[in-house]
C-alpha atoms as a PDB file:
ATOM      1  CA  MET A   1     -12.711  19.314  14.534  1.00  0.00           C
ATOM      2  CA  LYS A   2     -11.884  17.179  11.070  1.00  0.00           C
ATOM      3  CA  LEU A   3      -9.283  15.216  11.257  1.00  0.00           C
ATOM      4  CA  ILE A   4      -7.075  14.843   7.389  1.00  0.00           C
ATOM      5  CA  GLN A   5      -8.198  13.472   4.080  1.00  0.00           C
ATOM      6  CA  TRP A   6      -6.407  10.854   3.003  1.00  0.00           C
ATOM      7  CA  THR A   7      -6.769  10.386  -1.317  1.00  0.00           C
ATOM      8  CA  LEU A   8      -4.414   8.082  -2.713  1.00  0.00           C
ATOM      9  CA  PHE A   9      -4.568   7.488  -6.839  1.00  0.00           C
ATOM     10  CA  ILE A  10      -3.656   3.490  -6.699  1.00  0.00           C
ATOM     11  CA  ASP A  11      -2.003   2.274 -10.730  1.00  0.00           C
ATOM     12  CA  MET A  12      -1.328  -1.308 -11.151  1.00  0.00           C
ATOM     13  CA  LEU A  13       1.583  -2.771 -13.245  1.00  0.00           C
ATOM     14  CA  GLY A  14       0.809  -4.595 -16.438  1.00  0.00           C
ATOM     15  CA  TYR A  15      -2.915  -4.225 -16.332  1.00  0.00           C
ATOM     16  CA  ARG A  16      -2.669  -3.688 -19.717  1.00  0.00           C
ATOM     17  CA  ASP A  17      -1.303  -6.613 -21.330  1.00  0.00           C
ATOM     18  CA  ILE A  18      -3.941  -8.615 -19.003  1.00  0.00           C
ATOM     19  CA  ASN A  19      -6.407  -6.467 -19.826  1.00  0.00           C
ATOM     20  CA  GLY A  20      -5.672  -6.771 -23.564  1.00  0.00           C
ATOM     21  CA  ALA A  21      -5.616 -10.487 -23.075  1.00  0.00           C
ATOM     22  CA  ILE A  22      -9.241 -10.523 -22.466  1.00  0.00           C
ATOM     23  CA  ASN A  23     -10.696 -12.006 -25.575  1.00  0.00           C
ATOM     24  CA  SER A  24     -13.633 -13.803 -23.937  1.00  0.00           C
ATOM     25  CA  GLU A  25     -16.791 -13.649 -21.038  1.00  0.00           C
ATOM     26  CA  ALA A  26     -15.513 -16.032 -19.124  1.00  0.00           C
ATOM     27  CA  LYS A  27     -12.191 -14.210 -18.099  1.00  0.00           C
ATOM     28  CA  ALA A  28     -13.700 -10.522 -19.090  1.00  0.00           C
ATOM     29  CA  LYS A  29     -15.146 -11.792 -15.119  1.00  0.00           C
ATOM     30  CA  GLU A  30     -12.462 -13.583 -14.073  1.00  0.00           C
ATOM     31  CA  PHE A  31     -10.174 -10.672 -14.018  1.00  0.00           C
ATOM     32  CA  ILE A  32     -14.154  -8.006 -12.811  1.00  0.00           C
ATOM     33  CA  SER A  33     -13.259 -10.903  -9.763  1.00  0.00           C
ATOM     34  CA  PHE A  34     -10.678 -10.220  -9.137  1.00  0.00           C
ATOM     35  CA  MET A  35     -11.342  -6.220  -9.418  1.00  0.00           C
ATOM     36  CA  GLU A  36     -14.072  -6.869  -7.025  1.00  0.00           C
ATOM     37  CA  ASP A  37     -11.740  -8.879  -4.220  1.00  0.00           C
ATOM     38  CA  ASN A  38      -9.378  -5.696  -4.393  1.00  0.00           C
ATOM     39  CA  LYS A  39     -11.610  -2.802  -3.948  1.00  0.00           C
ATOM     40  CA  GLY A  40     -13.653  -5.115  -1.146  1.00  0.00           C
ATOM     41  CA  GLY A  41     -10.189  -5.091   0.458  1.00  0.00           C
ATOM     42  CA  LEU A  42     -10.107  -2.300   0.599  1.00  0.00           C
ATOM     43  CA  ASP A  43     -13.397  -0.672   1.190  1.00  0.00           C
ATOM     44  CA  PHE A  44     -15.119  -1.852   4.153  1.00  0.00           C
ATOM     45  CA  SER A  45     -18.096   0.127   4.391  1.00  0.00           C
ATOM     46  CA  ASN A  46     -20.855  -2.319   3.612  1.00  0.00           C
ATOM     47  CA  ARG A  47     -19.670  -4.885   6.547  1.00  0.00           C
ATOM     48  CA  PRO A  48     -21.530  -3.874   9.776  1.00  0.00           C
ATOM     49  CA  GLU A  49     -19.055  -6.558  11.877  1.00  0.00           C
ATOM     50  CA  VAL A  50     -16.057  -4.166  10.464  1.00  0.00           C
ATOM     51  CA  LYS A  51     -17.477  -0.813  11.514  1.00  0.00           C
ATOM     52  CA  GLU A  52     -18.930  -2.955  15.225  1.00  0.00           C
ATOM     53  CA  GLN A  53     -14.788  -4.344  15.793  1.00  0.00           C
ATOM     54  CA  TYR A  54     -13.561  -0.589  15.239  1.00  0.00           C
ATOM     55  CA  LYS A  55     -16.928   0.664  18.019  1.00  0.00           C
ATOM     56  CA  LYS A  56     -14.757  -1.653  20.001  1.00  0.00           C
ATOM     57  CA  ASP A  57     -11.440  -0.566  20.004  1.00  0.00           C
ATOM     58  CA  LYS A  58     -11.232   2.237  22.538  1.00  0.00           C
ATOM     59  CA  SER A  59      -8.132   4.200  21.281  1.00  0.00           C
ATOM     60  CA  PHE A  60      -9.359   4.792  17.658  1.00  0.00           C
ATOM     61  CA  ASP A  61     -13.023   4.470  15.961  1.00  0.00           C
ATOM     62  CA  LEU A  62     -12.563   5.001  12.468  1.00  0.00           C
ATOM     63  CA  TYR A  63     -15.930   5.535  11.115  1.00  0.00           C
ATOM     64  CA  MET A  64     -16.269   7.419  13.466  1.00  0.00           C
ATOM     65  CA  TYR A  65     -14.197   9.718  12.276  1.00  0.00           C
ATOM     66  CA  TYR A  66     -14.016   8.912   8.279  1.00  0.00           C
ATOM     67  CA  ASP A  67     -16.439   7.614   5.507  1.00  0.00           C
ATOM     68  CA  VAL A  68     -14.549   5.431   3.712  1.00  0.00           C
ATOM     69  CA  GLN A  69     -14.766   6.379  -0.260  1.00  0.00           C
ATOM     70  CA  HIS A  70     -12.637   4.285  -3.724  1.00  0.00           C
ATOM     71  CA  ALA A  71     -13.567   4.602  -7.089  1.00  0.00           C
ATOM     72  CA  PHE A  72     -11.894   2.312 -10.137  1.00  0.00           C
ATOM     73  CA  ILE A  73     -11.100   4.020 -13.251  1.00  0.00           C
ATOM     74  CA  SER A  74     -10.224   1.393 -15.793  1.00  0.00           C
ATOM     75  CA  ASP A  75      -6.554  -0.179 -14.217  1.00  0.00           C
ATOM     76  CA  SER A  76      -6.612   3.195 -11.172  1.00  0.00           C
ATOM     77  CA  LEU A  77      -8.335   3.098  -8.167  1.00  0.00           C
ATOM     78  CA  ILE A  78      -8.810   6.620  -6.202  1.00  0.00           C
ATOM     79  CA  ILE A  79      -9.500   5.129  -2.967  1.00  0.00           C
ATOM     80  CA  THR A  80     -10.325   8.978  -0.011  1.00  0.00           C
ATOM     81  CA  PHE A  81     -10.756   8.524   3.512  1.00  0.00           C
ATOM     82  CA  THR A  82     -13.146  11.819   4.041  1.00  0.00           C
ATOM     83  CA  PRO A  83     -13.203  12.695   7.583  1.00  0.00           C
ATOM     84  CA  LYS A  84     -15.879  13.873   9.855  1.00  0.00           C
ATOM     85  CA  GLU A  85     -17.008  16.300  11.707  1.00  0.00           C
ATOM     86  CA  VAL A  86     -16.687  15.222  15.235  1.00  0.00           C
ATOM     87  CA  LYS A  87     -17.887  17.511  18.343  1.00  0.00           C
ATOM     88  CA  SER A  88     -15.733  15.945  21.149  1.00  0.00           C
ATOM     89  CA  LEU A  89     -12.926  16.117  18.510  1.00  0.00           C
ATOM     90  CA  LYS A  90     -11.014  19.419  20.561  1.00  0.00           C
ATOM     91  CA  ASN A  91      -7.442  18.340  20.704  1.00  0.00           C
ATOM     92  CA  ASN A  92      -5.090  19.244  18.206  1.00  0.00           C
ATOM     93  CA  GLN A  93      -2.300  16.762  18.908  1.00  0.00           C
ATOM     94  CA  LEU A  94      -5.021  14.013  19.008  1.00  0.00           C
ATOM     95  CA  LYS A  95      -6.084  15.275  15.657  1.00  0.00           C
ATOM     96  CA  TYR A  96      -3.086  14.110  13.984  1.00  0.00           C
ATOM     97  CA  MET A  97      -2.235  11.080  16.216  1.00  0.00           C
ATOM     98  CA  HIS A  98      -5.966   9.534  15.104  1.00  0.00           C
ATOM     99  CA  SER A  99      -5.168  11.182  11.385  1.00  0.00           C
ATOM    100  CA  ALA A 100      -2.084   8.676  12.050  1.00  0.00           C
ATOM    101  CA  ASN A 101      -3.734   5.917  12.345  1.00  0.00           C
ATOM    102  CA  ALA A 102      -5.700   6.028   9.949  1.00  0.00           C
ATOM    103  CA  LEU A 103      -2.986   5.572   7.555  1.00  0.00           C
ATOM    104  CA  PHE A 104      -1.765   3.388   9.221  1.00  0.00           C
ATOM    105  CA  ILE A 105      -5.272   1.656   8.588  1.00  0.00           C
ATOM    106  CA  ILE A 106      -4.899   2.192   4.734  1.00  0.00           C
ATOM    107  CA  LEU A 107      -1.279   0.389   4.962  1.00  0.00           C
ATOM    108  CA  MET A 108      -2.722  -2.406   6.816  1.00  0.00           C
ATOM    109  CA  ARG A 109      -5.470  -3.241   3.749  1.00  0.00           C
ATOM    110  CA  LEU A 110      -2.832  -2.011   1.203  1.00  0.00           C
ATOM    111  CA  GLN A 111      -1.298  -4.825   2.168  1.00  0.00           C
ATOM    112  CA  ALA A 112      -3.277  -7.883   0.935  1.00  0.00           C
ATOM    113  CA  VAL A 113      -4.868  -5.683  -2.124  1.00  0.00           C
ATOM    114  CA  ILE A 114      -0.946  -5.804  -2.532  1.00  0.00           C
ATOM    115  CA  PHE A 115      -0.521  -8.849  -2.131  1.00  0.00           C
ATOM    116  CA  ASN A 116      -3.249 -10.701  -3.837  1.00  0.00           C
ATOM    117  CA  CYS A 117      -2.217  -8.549  -7.427  1.00  0.00           C
ATOM    118  CA  PHE A 118       1.146  -9.254  -7.232  1.00  0.00           C
ATOM    119  CA  SER A 119       0.405 -13.344  -6.072  1.00  0.00           C
ATOM    120  CA  GLN A 120      -2.438 -13.740  -9.053  1.00  0.00           C
ATOM    121  CA  LYS A 121      -1.507 -11.436 -11.686  1.00  0.00           C
ATOM    122  CA  GLY A 122       1.936 -10.672 -11.678  1.00  0.00           C
ATOM    123  CA  LEU A 123       1.129  -6.795 -11.303  1.00  0.00           C
ATOM    124  CA  PHE A 124       2.758  -4.736  -9.082  1.00  0.00           C
ATOM    125  CA  LEU A 125       1.045  -1.283  -7.748  1.00  0.00           C
ATOM    126  CA  ARG A 126       2.447   2.705  -7.295  1.00  0.00           C
ATOM    127  CA  GLY A 127       0.503   5.731  -6.981  1.00  0.00           C
ATOM    128  CA  GLY A 128       0.511   8.917  -4.752  1.00  0.00           C
ATOM    129  CA  ILE A 129      -1.472   9.480  -1.588  1.00  0.00           C
ATOM    130  CA  SER A 130      -2.681  13.106  -0.610  1.00  0.00           C
ATOM    131  CA  THR A 131      -3.703  15.334   2.423  1.00  0.00           C
ATOM    132  CA  LYS A 132      -5.822  17.954  -0.134  1.00  0.00           C
ATOM    133  CA  TYR A 133      -9.250  17.325  -1.031  1.00  0.00           C
ATOM    134  CA  CYS A 134     -11.131  14.635  -2.571  1.00  0.00           C
ATOM    135  CA  TYR A 135     -14.873  14.152  -2.926  1.00  0.00           C
ATOM    136  CA  ILE A 136     -16.372  10.349  -4.726  1.00  0.00           C
ATOM    137  CA  LYS A 137     -20.182   9.875  -5.608  1.00  0.00           C
ATOM    138  CA  ASP A 138     -20.891   7.005  -7.254  1.00  0.00           C
ATOM    139  CA  HIS A 139     -18.134   6.659  -9.968  1.00  0.00           C
ATOM    140  CA  PHE A 140     -17.093  10.668  -9.925  1.00  0.00           C
ATOM    141  CA  VAL A 141     -13.775  11.735  -8.141  1.00  0.00           C
ATOM    142  CA  VAL A 142     -13.039  15.327  -8.378  1.00  0.00           C
ATOM    143  CA  GLY A 143     -10.711  18.171  -6.628  1.00  0.00           C
ATOM    144  CA  GLU A 144      -7.222  18.608  -5.325  1.00  0.00           C
ATOM    145  CA  GLY A 145      -6.283  16.025  -3.558  1.00  0.00           C
ATOM    146  CA  LEU A 146      -7.233  13.658  -6.943  1.00  0.00           C
ATOM    147  CA  ILE A 147      -5.261  15.482  -9.110  1.00  0.00           C
ATOM    148  CA  SER A 148      -2.157  15.902  -6.103  1.00  0.00           C
ATOM    149  CA  ALA A 149      -2.698  12.438  -5.773  1.00  0.00           C
ATOM    150  CA  TYR A 150      -1.952  12.014  -9.229  1.00  0.00           C
ATOM    151  CA  LYS A 151       1.110  13.838 -10.284  1.00  0.00           C
ATOM    152  CA  ALA A 152       2.671  11.729  -6.962  1.00  0.00           C
ATOM    153  CA  GLU A 153       1.624   8.885  -8.506  1.00  0.00           C
ATOM    154  CA  SER A 154       2.637   9.565 -12.353  1.00  0.00           C
ATOM    155  CA  SER A 155       5.783  11.967 -12.245  1.00  0.00           C
ATOM    156  CA  LEU A 156       7.418  11.373  -8.704  1.00  0.00           C
ATOM    157  CA  ALA A 157       6.724   7.406  -8.179  1.00  0.00           C
ATOM    158  CA  ILE A 158       8.090   5.923 -11.443  1.00  0.00           C
ATOM    159  CA  HIS A 159       8.865   2.853  -9.623  1.00  0.00           C
ATOM    160  CA  PRO A 160       6.251   0.248  -8.373  1.00  0.00           C
ATOM    161  CA  ARG A 161       5.989   2.243  -5.420  1.00  0.00           C
ATOM    162  CA  ILE A 162       3.083   4.337  -3.345  1.00  0.00           C
ATOM    163  CA  VAL A 163       5.075   7.761  -2.720  1.00  0.00           C
ATOM    164  CA  PHE A 164       4.551  10.629  -0.613  1.00  0.00           C
ATOM    165  CA  SER A 165       2.838  14.096  -2.690  1.00  0.00           C
ATOM    166  CA  PRO A 166       5.096  17.203  -0.826  1.00  0.00           C
ATOM    167  CA  GLU A 167       2.588  18.445   0.975  1.00  0.00           C
ATOM    168  CA  VAL A 168       1.696  15.456   2.929  1.00  0.00           C
ATOM    169  CA  LEU A 169       5.779  15.951   4.969  1.00  0.00           C
ATOM    170  CA  GLU A 170       5.247  19.697   4.789  1.00  0.00           C
ATOM    171  CA  ASP A 171       2.723  18.712   7.593  1.00  0.00           C
ATOM    172  CA  LYS A 172       5.517  18.918  10.779  1.00  0.00           C
ATOM    173  CA  GLN A 173       3.075  17.940  12.917  1.00  0.00           C
ATOM    174  CA  LEU A 174       1.307  15.403  10.853  1.00  0.00           C
ATOM    175  CA  LYS A 175       4.885  13.651   9.580  1.00  0.00           C
ATOM    176  CA  ASN A 176       6.200  13.641  13.546  1.00  0.00           C
ATOM    177  CA  SER A 177       2.427  11.303  14.822  1.00  0.00           C
ATOM    178  CA  ILE A 178       3.406   9.020  12.014  1.00  0.00           C
ATOM    179  CA  THR A 179       6.845   8.755  13.793  1.00  0.00           C
ATOM    180  CA  LYS A 180       5.960   8.931  17.243  1.00  0.00           C
ATOM    181  CA  LEU A 181       2.878   5.904  16.064  1.00  0.00           C
ATOM    182  CA  SER A 182       5.726   3.810  14.801  1.00  0.00           C
ATOM    183  CA  ASP A 183       7.715   3.598  17.570  1.00  0.00           C
ATOM    184  CA  ILE A 184       5.203   2.939  19.671  1.00  0.00           C
ATOM    185  CA  MET A 185       3.494   0.229  17.876  1.00  0.00           C
ATOM    186  CA  TYR A 186       6.152  -0.159  15.965  1.00  0.00           C
ATOM    187  CA  GLY A 187       9.594  -0.993  17.570  1.00  0.00           C
ATOM    188  CA  GLY A 188      10.449   2.717  15.323  1.00  0.00           C
ATOM    189  CA  HIS A 189       9.820   0.735  11.930  1.00  0.00           C
ATOM    190  CA  ASN A 190       8.259   3.897  10.360  1.00  0.00           C
ATOM    191  CA  ILE A 191       6.514   3.356   7.221  1.00  0.00           C
ATOM    192  CA  ILE A 192       7.314   6.024   5.768  1.00  0.00           C
ATOM    193  CA  LYS A 193      11.356   5.416   3.509  1.00  0.00           C
ATOM    194  CA  LEU A 194      13.076   8.617   2.476  1.00  0.00           C
ATOM    195  CA  ASP A 195      14.948   6.996  -1.241  1.00  0.00           C
ATOM    196  CA  ASP A 196      18.111   8.040  -2.737  1.00  0.00           C
ATOM    197  CA  ASP A 197      16.760  10.358  -5.160  1.00  0.00           C
ATOM    198  CA  GLY A 198      15.101  11.899  -2.124  1.00  0.00           C
ATOM    199  CA  VAL A 199      10.570  10.529  -1.658  1.00  0.00           C
ATOM    200  CA  HIS A 200       9.229   9.281   0.393  1.00  0.00           C
ATOM    201  CA  TYR A 201       6.815   6.350  -0.263  1.00  0.00           C
ATOM    202  CA  LEU A 202       5.398   3.530   2.431  1.00  0.00           C
ATOM    203  CA  ASP A 203       7.504   1.113   3.077  1.00  0.00           C
ATOM    204  CA  TYR A 204       4.586  -2.116   2.779  1.00  0.00           C
ATOM    205  CA  LEU A 205       8.042  -4.407   3.229  1.00  0.00           C
ATOM    206  CA  GLY A 206       9.131  -2.903   6.118  1.00  0.00           C
ATOM    207  CA  TYR A 207       5.877  -2.733   7.808  1.00  0.00           C
ATOM    208  CA  ASN A 208       4.553  -6.705   7.320  1.00  0.00           C
ATOM    209  CA  LEU A 209       8.435  -6.761   9.112  1.00  0.00           C
ATOM    210  CA  SER A 210       7.480  -5.113  11.435  1.00  0.00           C
ATOM    211  CA  GLN A 211       4.789  -7.540  12.246  1.00  0.00           C
ATOM    212  CA  VAL A 212       6.548 -10.614  13.091  1.00  0.00           C
ATOM    213  CA  ASP A 213       9.338  -9.175  14.640  1.00  0.00           C
ATOM    214  CA  LEU A 214      10.506  -9.704  18.202  1.00  0.00           C
ATOM    215  CA  ASN A 215      12.204  -7.737  18.665  1.00  0.00           C
ATOM    216  CA  VAL A 216       9.863  -4.584  19.036  1.00  0.00           C
ATOM    217  CA  LYS A 217       7.754  -5.591  22.291  1.00  0.00           C
ATOM    218  CA  MET A 218       3.819  -4.985  21.494  1.00  0.00           C
ATOM    219  CA  VAL A 219       4.418  -8.032  19.702  1.00  0.00           C
ATOM    220  CA  SER A 220       7.034  -9.956  21.775  1.00  0.00           C
ATOM    221  CA  ASP A 221       4.871  -9.227  24.562  1.00  0.00           C
ATOM    222  CA  GLN A 222       1.474 -10.762  21.636  1.00  0.00           C
ATOM    223  CA  ALA A 223       3.756 -14.036  21.409  1.00  0.00           C
ATOM    224  CA  LYS A 224       3.894 -14.455  25.406  1.00  0.00           C
ATOM    225  CA  ILE A 225       0.887 -13.966  25.201  1.00  0.00           C
ATOM    226  CA  ASN A 226      -0.221 -16.166  22.255  1.00  0.00           C
ATOM    227  CA  LEU A 227       2.889 -18.230  20.735  1.00  0.00           C
ATOM    228  CA  PRO A 228       0.377 -19.861  17.916  1.00  0.00           C
ATOM    229  CA  MET A 229      -0.677 -16.599  16.788  1.00  0.00           C
ATOM    230  CA  TYR A 230       2.102 -15.123  16.703  1.00  0.00           C
ATOM    231  CA  LEU A 231       4.047 -18.679  14.487  1.00  0.00           C
ATOM    232  CA  TYR A 232       0.653 -18.166  12.058  1.00  0.00           C
ATOM    233  CA  GLY A 233       1.537 -14.523  11.643  1.00  0.00           C
ATOM    234  CA  LEU A 234       4.878 -15.474  10.204  1.00  0.00           C
ATOM    235  CA  GLU A 235       4.260 -18.310   8.665  1.00  0.00           C
ATOM    236  CA  LEU A 236       1.759 -15.526   6.521  1.00  0.00           C
ATOM    237  CA  SER A 237       4.990 -13.129   6.423  1.00  0.00           C
ATOM    238  CA  LYS A 238       7.610 -15.702   5.016  1.00  0.00           C
ATOM    239  CA  LEU A 239       4.210 -16.519   2.264  1.00  0.00           C
ATOM    240  CA  PHE A 240       3.655 -13.001   1.619  1.00  0.00           C
ATOM    241  CA  PHE A 241       8.075 -12.657   0.916  1.00  0.00           C
ATOM    242  CA  GLN A 242       8.107 -16.105  -0.868  1.00  0.00           C
ATOM    243  CA  ARG A 243       5.875 -14.617  -3.162  1.00  0.00           C
ATOM    244  CA  HIS A 244       7.174 -11.452  -3.743  1.00  0.00           C
ATOM    245  CA  SER A 245      10.349 -12.995  -4.235  1.00  0.00           C
ATOM    246  CA  GLU A 246       9.162 -15.106  -7.173  1.00  0.00           C
ATOM    247  CA  ALA A 247       6.733 -12.499  -8.676  1.00  0.00           C
ATOM    248  CA  ILE A 248       9.618 -10.724  -8.895  1.00  0.00           C
ATOM    249  CA  GLU A 249      11.541 -12.818 -10.544  1.00  0.00           C
ATOM    250  CA  GLY A 250       9.252 -13.651 -12.862  1.00  0.00           C
ATOM    251  CA  LYS A 251       8.772 -10.412 -14.775  1.00  0.00           C
ATOM    252  CA  LEU A 252      11.909 -10.132 -14.794  1.00  0.00           C
ATOM    253  CA  THR A 253      12.809 -12.798 -16.210  1.00  0.00           C
ATOM    254  CA  GLU A 254       9.583 -12.486 -18.516  1.00  0.00           C
ATOM    255  CA  LEU A 255      11.149  -8.898 -20.073  1.00  0.00           C
ATOM    256  CA  GLU A 256      13.861 -10.115 -20.260  1.00  0.00           C
ATOM    257  CA  SER A 257      12.575 -12.588 -22.504  1.00  0.00           C
ATOM    258  CA  ARG A 258      11.265  -9.905 -24.694  1.00  0.00           C
ATOM    259  CA  LYS A 259      14.206  -8.696 -26.151  1.00  0.00           C
ATOM    260  CA  ALA A 260      14.749 -10.818 -28.629  1.00  0.00           C
ATOM    261  CA  GLY A 261      14.315  -9.659 -31.860  1.00  0.00           C
ATOM    262  CA  LEU A 262      13.660  -5.968 -30.931  1.00  0.00           C
ATOM    263  CA  ASN A 263      15.602  -3.313 -32.099  1.00  0.00           C
ATOM    264  CA  ALA A 264      18.167  -1.050 -30.535  1.00  0.00           C
ATOM    265  CA  SER A 265      15.496   1.711 -30.099  1.00  0.00           C
ATOM    266  CA  GLU A 266      13.171  -0.845 -28.378  1.00  0.00           C
ATOM    267  CA  ILE A 267      15.110  -1.827 -26.358  1.00  0.00           C
ATOM    268  CA  GLN A 268      16.362   0.979 -24.864  1.00  0.00           C
ATOM    269  CA  LYS A 269      12.506   0.926 -24.270  1.00  0.00           C
ATOM    270  CA  LEU A 270      11.875  -2.476 -23.128  1.00  0.00           C
ATOM    271  CA  GLN A 271      15.479  -1.363 -20.281  1.00  0.00           C
ATOM    272  CA  LYS A 272      12.873   1.616 -19.105  1.00  0.00           C
ATOM    273  CA  VAL A 273      10.458  -1.195 -17.528  1.00  0.00           C
ATOM    274  CA  ILE A 274      13.386  -3.491 -16.783  1.00  0.00           C
ATOM    275  CA  ASP A 275      14.955  -0.969 -14.388  1.00  0.00           C
ATOM    276  CA  LYS A 276      12.060  -0.526 -12.402  1.00  0.00           C
ATOM    277  CA  PHE A 277      11.484  -3.793 -11.523  1.00  0.00           C
ATOM    278  CA  ILE A 278      14.659  -4.026 -10.964  1.00  0.00           C
ATOM    279  CA  TRP A 279      14.676  -0.882  -7.875  1.00  0.00           C
ATOM    280  CA  LEU A 280      11.218  -3.402  -7.156  1.00  0.00           C
ATOM    281  CA  LYS A 281      13.763  -6.573  -6.499  1.00  0.00           C
ATOM    282  CA  ASN A 282      16.585  -4.273  -4.655  1.00  0.00           C
ATOM    283  CA  TYR A 283      14.326  -2.437  -1.876  1.00  0.00           C
ATOM    284  CA  HIS A 284      13.157  -6.449  -1.779  1.00  0.00           C
ATOM    285  CA  ASN A 285      16.350  -8.010  -1.025  1.00  0.00           C
ATOM    286  CA  SER A 286      17.483  -4.562   1.187  1.00  0.00           C
ATOM    287  CA  THR A 287      14.543  -5.262   3.701  1.00  0.00           C
ATOM    288  CA  LEU A 288      15.341  -8.918   4.008  1.00  0.00           C
ATOM    289  CA  LEU A 289      18.778  -9.332   3.959  1.00  0.00           C
ATOM    290  CA  ASN A 290      19.689  -8.841   7.506  1.00  0.00           C
ATOM    291  CA  HIS A 291      16.606 -11.021   8.330  1.00  0.00           C
ATOM    292  CA  GLU A 292      17.255 -13.880   8.444  1.00  0.00           C
ATOM    293  CA  LYS A 293      13.666 -15.994   9.264  1.00  0.00           C
ATOM    294  CA  PHE A 294      13.690 -14.698   5.727  1.00  0.00           C
ATOM    295  CA  ALA A 295      17.220 -14.695   3.654  1.00  0.00           C
ATOM    296  CA  GLU A 296      16.314 -17.530   1.769  1.00  0.00           C
ATOM    297  CA  TYR A 297      13.421 -14.991  -0.083  1.00  0.00           C
ATOM    298  CA  VAL A 298      15.904 -12.747  -1.498  1.00  0.00           C
ATOM    299  CA  VAL A 299      15.614 -12.853  -5.384  1.00  0.00           C
ATOM    300  CA  ASN A 300      18.847 -13.564  -7.154  1.00  0.00           C
END
């Protein structure tokens, strides 16, 4: 039996502007180093210590069930968790719970990439997630999963968000397993959020909050055992939200300044880009408004 395959197509908003400004070898090497950091944040396949850590986890050994593959194509990143055939896996309920667990691991790894992009370069991610088949070999990517994830990114995401292709949530067992795992581990902070336009997306800010929310039993239990570690995590979350707020404000200021000297048609075109970051501002603020610890990071 195999677990569910996860395939992501991720696009970096603002990449073309940065790439177009690279006019020297030094700048090129610096940017490639930045992209290598992003790649390293998603795929730990070449790090034996990480695999060893998963082996020690009695609840879920990621690399027992999945091969992790990735490819960069210009400003796009494709990553797929390809399931292995595991003979000992005979429980259908366990299959879906482990598959849901893999999605949480993907989100944990994405957190680092998201932070690196907006804090270092002012870049935000837009993407799609599919559960259909995808195969990656070197820099060649094929399969219906790639097309499904790409269509979700290009036609559903619109705003700087990573959305789910329809087939993901049509699988009721998978959806229920994700919800159940959210209840058990994150106090009901479901990582799948339904937007006003009917699109489901990955709630990375809500997930970040859940890691330091003392109303979540797992978090409060850990805080009692190791308070310094909890306080360290709280500072990391504050830094994440602070930099996120600053990057959004900076992007909106920059885009508004571009209006000077444009004609009506050009302003209308630019406004569509501005609207994407207004959505991001609203997502950021709605996540933080009811949390006193982070209220100072609300975007004006």
